[in-house]
Amino acid sequence: MNYTEARAYVDSTAKFGIKPGLERITKMMAYVGNPQDKLKFVHVAGTNGKGSTCTMLASILTNAGYKTGLFTSPYVIDFRERFMVDGEMISEDEFAELMTKVRTVNDLLEKSGCSLTQFELITAVAFLWFVQQECDVVVLECGLGGRLDSTNVIKEPLCSVITKISLDHTDILGDTVEKIAVEKAGIIKPGCPVVLAPNQPKAAVSTIEKKCAELGSPLTVSGMDTVSVKTMLPTMTEAVYGGLRVMIPLAGPHQVENAVTVINAARELNERGCKLSDDKIVAGIAKAKIPARFDIISHDPLVVVDGAHNPDGIEALCSSIDALLGGRSIVGIIGMLRDKAYESALAQIVPRFDRVLTVTPDSPRALSARELAACAQQFAGEGVSVKPVESLKKAASIALDMTDEATAVVVCGSLYLASDIMQNLFSHFTLKQTGCFGVSAIEMY
């Protein structure tokens, strides 16, 4: 297969849906020589903050001279963002070659009624590529949950990291924070250190503590009591924690929490043999880049794209809006999926907008713009217009026509929406001659 054919094959496997369990990936790994057993990992689970945490950790390791793999999901601009080594994506030819190998094995497994899911297939490709690249360490993000996620086929990680836990994918992971925490705690391995992100629900902390005690795994529970925020801007935050003054290039108060988690994880890795000096930690965090996390893609007018799509993620976005966009009139462009807790998310975000445009994300799971608008209207302030729009392009055009130096546009509710605006609408905005989304904005990204 060439790259186009390989991508088409991956897309075709989406029909198998999400099927938690390790039986299929275990069989696949055995067929291809168990590449995961040849690698060292930092394994990261959680509801929110996984992508930012993984990106900062990988940046630290790369900055310290380690050849570092990074496996994350989902992607925003390019499918190959999921597979990175030292900040560089897998090539199209490498992906096609490895997916051809994985497909051959999957075809054999299908004959015995064992078809791998889409995520399992790309996990297999990731392990094979990281071995091929001779990575020193791989930062591995769970796809869903942890206990039965395909990434959990690995044995003993250098460190397990659990980011903020909240309600999401409740139909699969459970309908309480405690049940979801049990699934996240499934990545904890006997004797391997665990770092837990700060500001967790009590039920989540007690669940993780219990699991660590059972397995003899040392636990670091991150806290914010000793954090001092010096500067917070829409483009960065300067904070002091653990004797380190760090410049966090990812905006918002929640990114300070992620950075605290990362510093604690880096120090655990230092104890486990990775030579991560304080200077390397500070420099690595400063170099981290990730799209669609309070991502300012234009300064004039101010346009922010955020992939927040569940109540906890929306809460973090609201904190960022309150801290960084105070005094501005805000036009919100919102699109959400039907299987998300969209009503509680809208209850938080809509009151912060002075005008709301709803759109239908490009997904078969999307909630229609009209249904979303009807739900959003009940949370809108007096006199605030909520209007369904037929396309994101049209919504962006309407929003930009309303902007001035005292207005900001915030696009949120779904990574599908973030992907769409960042992939497809640069030329539209440039042609509109609004002064945004030109070369400087793309270079910033």
Protein backbone atom coordinates (compact mmCIF):
# COMPACT_ATOMS: atom_id res chain seq x y z
CA MET A 1 0.00 0.00 0.00
CA ASN A 2 1.07 3.58 -0.59
CA TYR A 3 0.22 6.26 1.98
CA THR A 4 -3.17 7.12 0.47
CA GLU A 5 -4.16 3.45 0.42
CA ALA A 6 -2.88 2.94 3.97
CA ARG A 7 -4.93 5.88 5.23
CA ALA A 8 -8.00 4.61 3.41
CA TYR A 9 -7.51 1.22 5.06
CA VAL A 10 -7.25 2.80 8.51
CA ASP A 11 -10.40 4.84 7.89
CA SER A 12 -12.26 1.73 6.77
CA THR A 13 -11.61 0.05 10.13
CA ALA A 14 -13.54 2.73 12.01
CA LYS A 15 -16.63 0.58 11.45
CA PHE A 16 -15.36 -1.82 14.12
CA GLY A 17 -15.81 0.94 16.69
CA ILE A 18 -14.32 0.97 20.18
CA LYS A 19 -13.79 -2.45 21.72
CA PRO A 20 -11.84 -2.27 24.98
CA GLY A 21 -9.65 -5.27 25.72
CA LEU A 22 -6.08 -6.50 25.36
CA GLU A 23 -6.65 -9.86 23.65
CA ARG A 24 -6.50 -8.55 20.08
CA ILE A 25 -3.49 -6.26 20.51
CA THR A 26 -1.65 -9.00 22.42
CA LYS A 27 -2.10 -11.39 19.48
CA MET A 28 -0.99 -8.73 17.00
CA MET A 29 2.12 -7.89 19.02
CA ALA A 30 3.09 -11.55 19.26
CA TYR A 31 2.87 -11.91 15.47
CA VAL A 32 5.15 -8.91 14.86
CA GLY A 33 7.75 -9.80 17.49
CA ASN A 34 6.50 -7.87 20.54
CA PRO A 35 8.29 -4.60 19.68
CA GLN A 36 6.84 -2.94 22.79
CA ASP A 37 9.04 -5.17 24.97
CA LYS A 38 12.12 -3.54 23.43
CA LEU A 39 11.17 -0.01 24.47
CA LYS A 40 11.11 2.14 27.61
CA PHE A 41 7.92 4.08 28.28
CA VAL A 42 6.31 6.88 30.19
CA HIS A 43 2.64 5.86 30.18
CA VAL A 44 0.04 8.62 30.48
CA ALA A 45 -3.68 8.22 31.19
CA GLY A 46 -6.39 10.65 32.30
CA THR A 47 -9.49 12.45 31.07
CA ASN A 48 -8.03 15.87 30.29
CA GLY A 49 -4.52 17.23 29.94
CA LYS A 50 -2.95 14.08 28.50
CA GLY A 51 -1.86 15.67 25.23
CA SER A 52 -0.26 18.73 26.83
CA THR A 53 1.40 16.63 29.53
CA CYS A 54 2.79 14.16 26.98
CA THR A 55 4.04 16.95 24.75
CA MET A 56 5.89 18.71 27.57
CA LEU A 57 7.44 15.45 28.82
CA ALA A 58 8.60 14.49 25.33
CA SER A 59 10.05 17.97 24.83
CA ILE A 60 12.04 17.65 28.08
CA LEU A 61 13.41 14.23 27.12
CA THR A 62 14.37 15.39 23.63
CA ASN A 63 16.00 18.51 25.04
CA ALA A 64 18.03 16.30 27.38
CA GLY A 65 19.44 14.39 24.41
CA TYR A 66 17.23 11.29 24.45
CA LYS A 67 15.76 10.04 21.20
CA THR A 68 12.12 10.36 22.19
CA GLY A 69 9.01 8.84 20.68
CA LEU A 70 5.63 10.45 21.24
CA PHE A 71 2.32 8.67 20.61
CA THR A 72 -0.81 10.79 21.09
CA SER A 73 -4.38 11.02 19.91
CA PRO A 74 -6.32 12.48 18.30
CA TYR A 75 -4.62 14.60 15.66
CA VAL A 76 -5.56 18.13 14.60
CA ILE A 77 -3.88 18.97 11.29
CA ASP A 78 -2.19 15.83 9.98
CA PHE A 79 -2.97 12.19 10.82
CA ARG A 80 0.76 11.57 11.26
CA GLU A 81 0.86 13.91 14.29
CA ARG A 82 0.04 10.81 16.33
CA PHE A 83 3.53 9.41 15.67
CA MET A 84 6.49 11.65 16.49
CA VAL A 85 10.19 11.20 17.18
CA ASP A 86 12.01 14.25 18.49
CA GLY A 87 9.25 16.47 17.17
CA GLU A 88 9.21 15.01 13.65
CA MET A 89 6.25 13.07 12.26
CA ILE A 90 6.52 9.62 10.73
CA SER A 91 7.02 9.87 6.96
CA GLU A 92 4.24 8.85 4.61
CA ASP A 93 6.38 6.03 3.21
CA GLU A 94 7.25 4.68 6.65
CA PHE A 95 3.61 4.73 7.71
CA ALA A 96 2.51 2.95 4.52
CA GLU A 97 5.21 0.30 4.91
CA LEU A 98 4.37 -0.47 8.53
CA MET A 99 0.61 -0.36 8.05
CA THR A 100 1.01 -2.86 5.18
CA LYS A 101 2.80 -5.18 7.58
CA VAL A 102 0.16 -4.73 10.27
CA ARG A 103 -2.67 -5.20 7.77
CA THR A 104 -1.18 -8.52 6.62
CA VAL A 105 -1.29 -9.80 10.20
CA ASN A 106 -4.76 -8.36 10.76
CA ASP A 107 -6.03 -10.20 7.68
CA LEU A 108 -4.81 -13.44 9.25
CA LEU A 109 -6.41 -12.62 12.59
CA GLU A 110 -9.71 -11.76 10.92
CA LYS A 111 -10.02 -15.33 9.71
CA SER A 112 -10.24 -16.42 13.35
CA GLY A 113 -12.77 -13.72 14.15
CA CYS A 114 -10.24 -11.33 15.72
CA SER A 115 -10.42 -7.99 13.86
CA LEU A 116 -8.38 -5.18 15.38
CA THR A 117 -9.94 -1.78 15.92
CA GLN A 118 -8.60 1.35 14.28
CA PHE A 119 -6.78 2.47 17.42
CA GLU A 120 -5.25 -0.97 17.93
CA LEU A 121 -3.86 -0.92 14.40
CA ILE A 122 -2.19 2.45 14.79
CA THR A 123 -0.86 1.44 18.21
CA ALA A 124 0.84 -1.52 16.54
CA VAL A 125 2.34 0.76 13.89
CA ALA A 126 3.60 3.10 16.60
CA PHE A 127 5.42 0.36 18.50
CA LEU A 128 7.03 -0.95 15.31
CA TRP A 129 8.15 2.51 14.23
CA PHE A 130 9.59 3.48 17.60
CA VAL A 131 11.71 0.31 17.60
CA GLN A 132 12.75 0.99 14.01
CA GLN A 133 13.79 4.50 15.07
CA GLU A 134 15.74 3.09 18.05
CA CYS A 135 14.02 5.38 20.53
CA ASP A 136 15.52 5.70 23.99
CA VAL A 137 12.18 6.56 25.61
CA VAL A 138 8.59 6.69 24.35
CA VAL A 139 5.92 8.94 25.87
CA LEU A 140 2.77 6.89 25.36
CA GLU A 141 -0.71 8.37 25.68
CA CYS A 142 -3.66 6.09 26.39
CA GLY A 143 -6.44 6.29 23.86
CA LEU A 144 -9.40 5.54 26.14
CA GLY A 145 -9.43 4.61 29.79
CA GLY A 146 -6.26 2.72 30.63
CA ARG A 147 -6.86 -0.75 32.02
CA LEU A 148 -8.20 -2.15 28.74
CA ASP A 149 -6.61 0.37 26.37
CA SER A 150 -4.38 -1.16 23.69
CA THR A 151 -1.39 0.84 24.92
CA ASN A 152 -1.59 -1.11 28.18
CA VAL A 153 -0.04 -4.11 26.45
CA ILE A 154 3.30 -2.71 27.64
CA LYS A 155 4.93 -4.24 30.72
CA GLU A 156 6.79 -2.01 33.19
CA PRO A 157 6.96 1.71 32.34
CA LEU A 158 9.62 3.98 33.78
CA CYS A 159 6.75 6.00 35.21
CA SER A 160 2.96 6.10 35.00
CA VAL A 161 1.29 9.52 34.88
CA ILE A 162 -2.40 10.13 35.52
CA THR A 163 -3.74 13.53 34.54
CA LYS A 164 -7.04 15.16 35.55
CA ILE A 165 -9.85 12.63 35.95
CA SER A 166 -13.47 13.57 35.26
CA LEU A 167 -16.58 12.25 33.56
CA ASP A 168 -16.19 11.37 29.88
CA HIS A 169 -16.99 8.28 27.79
CA THR A 170 -19.29 7.25 30.63
CA ASP A 171 -20.99 4.63 28.44
CA ILE A 172 -17.68 2.72 28.29
CA LEU A 173 -15.71 3.70 31.39
CA GLY A 174 -18.47 4.08 33.96
CA ASP A 175 -20.82 6.77 35.18
CA THR A 176 -18.91 7.92 38.28
CA VAL A 177 -15.50 9.47 38.81
CA GLU A 178 -14.56 6.51 41.00
CA LYS A 179 -15.37 3.98 38.24
CA ILE A 180 -13.42 6.00 35.69
CA ALA A 181 -10.47 6.30 38.10
CA VAL A 182 -10.40 2.49 38.37
CA GLU A 183 -9.97 2.31 34.59
CA LYS A 184 -7.22 4.96 34.60
CA ALA A 185 -5.46 3.19 37.49
CA GLY A 186 -5.24 0.12 35.29
CA ILE A 187 -1.97 1.45 33.82
CA ILE A 188 -0.25 1.23 37.23
CA LYS A 189 2.29 -1.59 37.31
CA PRO A 190 3.84 -3.26 40.40
CA GLY A 191 6.68 -1.23 41.84
CA CYS A 192 6.59 1.41 39.09
CA PRO A 193 6.31 5.06 40.26
CA VAL A 194 3.09 6.96 39.66
CA VAL A 195 2.56 10.71 39.37
CA LEU A 196 -0.96 12.04 39.84
CA ALA A 197 -1.98 15.49 38.57
CA PRO A 198 -3.22 18.11 41.08
CA ASN A 199 -6.79 19.17 41.91
CA GLN A 200 -8.31 15.72 41.52
CA PRO A 201 -11.72 14.67 42.87
CA LYS A 202 -11.35 12.97 46.26
CA ALA A 203 -12.79 9.74 44.86
CA ALA A 204 -10.11 9.67 42.17
CA VAL A 205 -7.27 10.26 44.63
CA SER A 206 -8.45 7.54 47.01
CA THR A 207 -8.84 5.07 44.13
CA ILE A 208 -5.31 5.75 42.85
CA GLU A 209 -3.85 5.61 46.36
CA LYS A 210 -5.49 2.24 46.98
CA LYS A 211 -4.19 0.79 43.72
CA CYS A 212 -0.65 2.03 44.38
CA ALA A 213 -0.71 0.54 47.88
CA GLU A 214 -1.85 -2.82 46.49
CA LEU A 215 0.96 -2.92 43.93
CA GLY A 216 3.72 -1.34 45.97
CA SER A 217 3.99 1.54 43.52
CA PRO A 218 5.37 4.82 44.94
CA LEU A 219 2.89 7.65 44.41
CA THR A 220 3.50 11.37 44.00
CA VAL A 221 0.31 13.41 44.35
CA SER A 222 1.00 16.78 42.75
CA GLY A 223 -0.21 19.86 44.58
CA MET A 224 -0.60 23.55 43.79
CA ASP A 225 0.02 24.96 47.28
CA THR A 226 3.60 25.98 46.53
CA VAL A 227 2.99 27.25 43.00
CA SER A 228 3.53 30.95 42.37
CA VAL A 229 2.23 32.36 39.10
CA LYS A 230 4.31 35.42 38.13
CA THR A 231 2.84 36.29 34.74
CA MET A 232 -0.15 35.00 32.80
CA LEU A 233 -0.66 36.10 29.20
CA PRO A 234 -2.71 34.69 26.31
CA THR A 235 0.50 33.25 24.84
CA MET A 236 2.40 32.01 27.92
CA THR A 237 2.54 31.72 31.69
CA GLU A 238 5.53 32.22 33.96
CA ALA A 239 5.37 30.23 37.19
CA VAL A 240 7.62 29.02 39.98
CA TYR A 241 7.32 25.50 41.38
CA GLY A 242 9.72 23.14 43.11
CA GLY A 243 12.52 25.68 42.90
CA LEU A 244 12.10 26.04 39.13
CA ARG A 245 11.00 29.16 37.27
CA VAL A 246 9.28 27.88 34.15
CA MET A 247 7.93 29.58 31.05
CA ILE A 248 4.92 27.58 29.90
CA PRO A 249 4.11 28.31 26.23
CA LEU A 250 0.64 26.75 26.56
CA ALA A 251 -1.93 29.27 27.78
CA GLY A 252 -4.38 29.01 30.65
CA PRO A 253 -4.40 28.24 34.37
CA HIS A 254 -4.90 24.52 33.72
CA GLN A 255 -1.57 24.39 31.88
CA VAL A 256 0.14 25.37 35.13
CA GLU A 257 -1.37 22.23 36.67
CA ASN A 258 -0.10 20.19 33.72
CA ALA A 259 3.37 21.70 34.07
CA VAL A 260 3.45 20.80 37.78
CA THR A 261 2.58 17.21 36.86
CA VAL A 262 5.30 17.21 34.21
CA ILE A 263 7.97 18.53 36.60
CA ASN A 264 7.13 15.81 39.12
CA ALA A 265 7.17 13.14 36.42
CA ALA A 266 10.51 14.41 35.07
CA ARG A 267 12.01 14.20 38.53
CA GLU A 268 10.76 10.63 38.88
CA LEU A 269 12.38 9.81 35.55
CA ASN A 270 15.59 11.36 36.80
CA GLU A 271 15.46 8.95 39.74
CA ARG A 272 14.93 6.09 37.28
CA GLY A 273 18.10 6.79 35.31
CA CYS A 274 17.09 9.49 32.82
CA LYS A 275 19.46 12.40 33.35
CA LEU A 276 17.01 15.28 33.48
CA SER A 277 18.62 18.27 35.15
CA ASP A 278 16.54 21.23 36.27
CA ASP A 279 17.92 23.25 33.34
CA LYS A 280 16.79 20.57 30.89
CA ILE A 281 13.33 20.45 32.46
CA VAL A 282 12.90 24.22 32.24
CA ALA A 283 14.18 24.40 28.65
CA GLY A 284 12.06 21.42 27.55
CA ILE A 285 8.82 22.89 28.89
CA ALA A 286 9.60 26.23 27.21
CA LYS A 287 9.93 24.51 23.81
CA ALA A 288 6.69 22.49 23.96
CA LYS A 289 4.14 23.07 21.19
CA ILE A 290 0.67 21.59 20.75
CA PRO A 291 -2.22 22.85 18.61
CA ALA A 292 -5.82 23.57 19.65
CA ARG A 293 -5.16 24.19 23.34
CA PHE A 294 -6.20 27.83 23.79
CA ASP A 295 -4.36 28.28 20.54
CA ILE A 296 -4.22 31.89 19.32
CA ILE A 297 -4.25 31.56 15.56
CA SER A 298 -4.71 35.29 14.95
CA HIS A 299 -3.94 38.39 17.01
CA ASP A 300 -5.76 40.95 14.87
CA PRO A 301 -8.56 40.14 15.27
CA LEU A 302 -7.99 37.85 18.25
CA VAL A 303 -9.09 34.31 17.36
CA VAL A 304 -8.67 31.41 19.80
CA VAL A 305 -9.16 27.74 18.93
CA ASP A 306 -9.61 25.22 21.74
CA GLY A 307 -10.46 21.55 21.37
CA ALA A 308 -12.17 21.30 24.78
CA HIS A 309 -15.10 18.92 24.39
CA ASN A 310 -16.18 17.65 27.83
CA PRO A 311 -17.27 19.50 31.00
CA ASP A 312 -13.84 19.42 32.65
CA GLY A 313 -12.11 20.60 29.49
CA ILE A 314 -14.71 23.34 29.06
CA GLU A 315 -14.17 24.37 32.69
CA ALA A 316 -10.46 24.78 31.94
CA LEU A 317 -11.32 26.84 28.85
CA CYS A 318 -13.65 29.03 30.93
CA SER A 319 -10.84 29.67 33.42
CA SER A 320 -8.58 30.69 30.53
CA ILE A 321 -11.22 33.02 29.11
CA ASP A 322 -11.79 34.63 32.50
CA ALA A 323 -8.06 35.05 33.14
CA LEU A 324 -6.93 36.11 29.68
CA LEU A 325 -9.84 37.67 27.78
CA GLY A 326 -11.37 39.82 30.50
CA GLY A 327 -13.03 42.99 29.24
CA ARG A 328 -13.47 41.75 25.68
CA SER A 329 -16.72 41.03 23.91
CA ILE A 330 -16.61 37.40 22.83
CA VAL A 331 -18.18 35.69 19.83
CA GLY A 332 -18.33 31.94 20.39
CA ILE A 333 -18.39 29.37 17.59
CA ILE A 334 -19.43 26.04 19.08
CA GLY A 335 -19.80 22.54 17.64
CA MET A 336 -20.15 19.38 19.71
CA LEU A 337 -20.66 15.64 19.37
CA ARG A 338 -23.91 14.02 20.39
CA ASP A 339 -22.22 11.47 22.66
CA LYS A 340 -20.55 14.15 24.81
CA ALA A 341 -22.07 15.78 27.91
CA TYR A 342 -22.88 18.81 25.82
CA GLU A 343 -25.59 20.27 28.04
CA SER A 344 -23.37 20.64 31.09
CA ALA A 345 -20.55 21.94 28.88
CA LEU A 346 -22.84 24.56 27.35
CA ALA A 347 -24.05 25.60 30.80
CA GLN A 348 -20.48 26.65 31.60
CA ILE A 349 -19.30 28.23 28.37
CA VAL A 350 -22.34 29.95 26.85
CA PRO A 351 -22.79 32.60 29.60
CA ARG A 352 -19.30 33.89 28.75
CA PHE A 353 -20.24 34.68 25.14
CA ASP A 354 -21.93 37.83 23.84
CA ARG A 355 -22.91 36.11 20.59
CA VAL A 356 -23.13 32.37 19.88
CA LEU A 357 -22.90 30.66 16.49
CA THR A 358 -23.45 26.90 16.47
CA VAL A 359 -22.19 24.57 13.74
CA THR A 360 -22.27 20.86 12.95
CA PRO A 361 -18.80 19.24 13.28
CA ASP A 362 -17.61 16.97 10.49
CA SER A 363 -18.40 13.69 12.24
CA PRO A 364 -21.16 11.08 12.04
CA ARG A 365 -21.48 11.55 15.82
CA ALA A 366 -22.11 15.29 15.53
CA LEU A 367 -24.97 17.10 17.20
CA SER A 368 -26.68 19.27 14.61
CA ALA A 369 -26.17 23.01 14.72
CA ARG A 370 -29.91 23.52 15.19
CA GLU A 371 -30.15 21.12 18.15
CA LEU A 372 -27.05 22.63 19.71
CA ALA A 373 -28.45 26.15 19.33
CA ALA A 374 -31.72 25.15 20.99
CA CYS A 375 -29.81 23.76 23.96
CA ALA A 376 -27.40 26.70 24.14
CA GLN A 377 -30.20 29.29 24.10
CA GLN A 378 -31.36 28.32 27.60
CA PHE A 379 -27.95 29.28 29.02
CA ALA A 380 -27.48 32.51 27.06
CA GLY A 381 -27.69 35.87 28.81
CA GLU A 382 -30.49 38.33 28.19
CA GLY A 383 -30.33 39.70 24.69
CA VAL A 384 -27.58 37.28 23.59
CA SER A 385 -28.17 35.90 20.11
CA VAL A 386 -27.73 32.16 19.52
CA LYS A 387 -27.81 31.23 15.85
CA PRO A 388 -27.28 27.91 14.05
CA VAL A 389 -25.12 28.29 10.94
CA GLU A 390 -24.90 25.89 8.01
CA SER A 391 -21.10 25.68 7.90
CA LEU A 392 -17.99 26.56 9.88
CA LYS A 393 -16.83 28.72 6.98
CA LYS A 394 -20.02 30.75 7.15
CA ALA A 395 -19.84 31.01 10.94
CA ALA A 396 -16.25 32.24 10.74
CA SER A 397 -17.22 34.84 8.17
CA ILE A 398 -20.08 36.11 10.35
CA ALA A 399 -17.86 36.20 13.43
CA LEU A 400 -15.06 38.09 11.70
CA ASP A 401 -17.47 40.66 10.32
CA MET A 402 -18.37 41.46 13.95
CA THR A 403 -14.84 41.79 15.32
CA ASP A 404 -12.91 44.84 16.37
CA GLU A 405 -9.99 45.45 18.72
CA ALA A 406 -12.27 44.88 21.74
CA THR A 407 -13.68 41.57 20.45
CA ALA A 408 -12.37 38.02 20.49
CA VAL A 409 -13.59 34.93 18.63
CA VAL A 410 -13.44 31.62 20.49
CA VAL A 411 -13.90 28.37 18.54
CA CYS A 412 -14.54 25.38 20.81
CA GLY A 413 -16.49 22.21 21.58
CA SER A 414 -14.75 19.57 19.48
CA LEU A 415 -11.33 18.65 18.14
CA TYR A 416 -13.09 17.92 14.84
CA LEU A 417 -14.05 21.60 14.76
CA ALA A 418 -10.52 22.70 15.71
CA SER A 419 -9.09 20.49 12.99
CA ASP A 420 -11.51 21.86 10.40
CA ILE A 421 -10.77 25.51 11.08
CA MET A 422 -7.01 25.02 11.26
CA GLN A 423 -6.81 22.86 8.13
CA ASN A 424 -9.28 24.47 5.79
CA LEU A 425 -10.02 28.08 6.59
CA PHE A 426 -6.70 29.91 6.39
CA SER A 427 -7.19 30.80 2.73
CA HIS A 428 -10.78 31.89 3.33
CA PHE A 429 -9.77 34.38 5.99
CA THR A 430 -6.85 35.67 3.93
CA LEU A 431 -9.14 36.24 0.97
CA LYS A 432 -11.53 38.10 3.26
CA GLN A 433 -8.62 40.51 3.86
CA THR A 434 -9.29 40.66 7.56
CA GLY A 435 -5.60 40.85 8.35
CA CYS A 436 -5.57 37.50 10.08
CA PHE A 437 -4.51 33.97 9.27
CA GLY A 438 -1.69 35.15 7.06
CA VAL A 439 1.89 33.88 7.03
CA SER A 440 2.67 35.17 10.52
CA ALA A 441 -0.22 33.24 12.04
CA ILE A 442 0.82 30.01 10.33
CA GLU A 443 4.42 30.52 11.43
CA MET A 444 3.21 31.01 15.02
CA TYR A 445 1.43 27.68 14.87
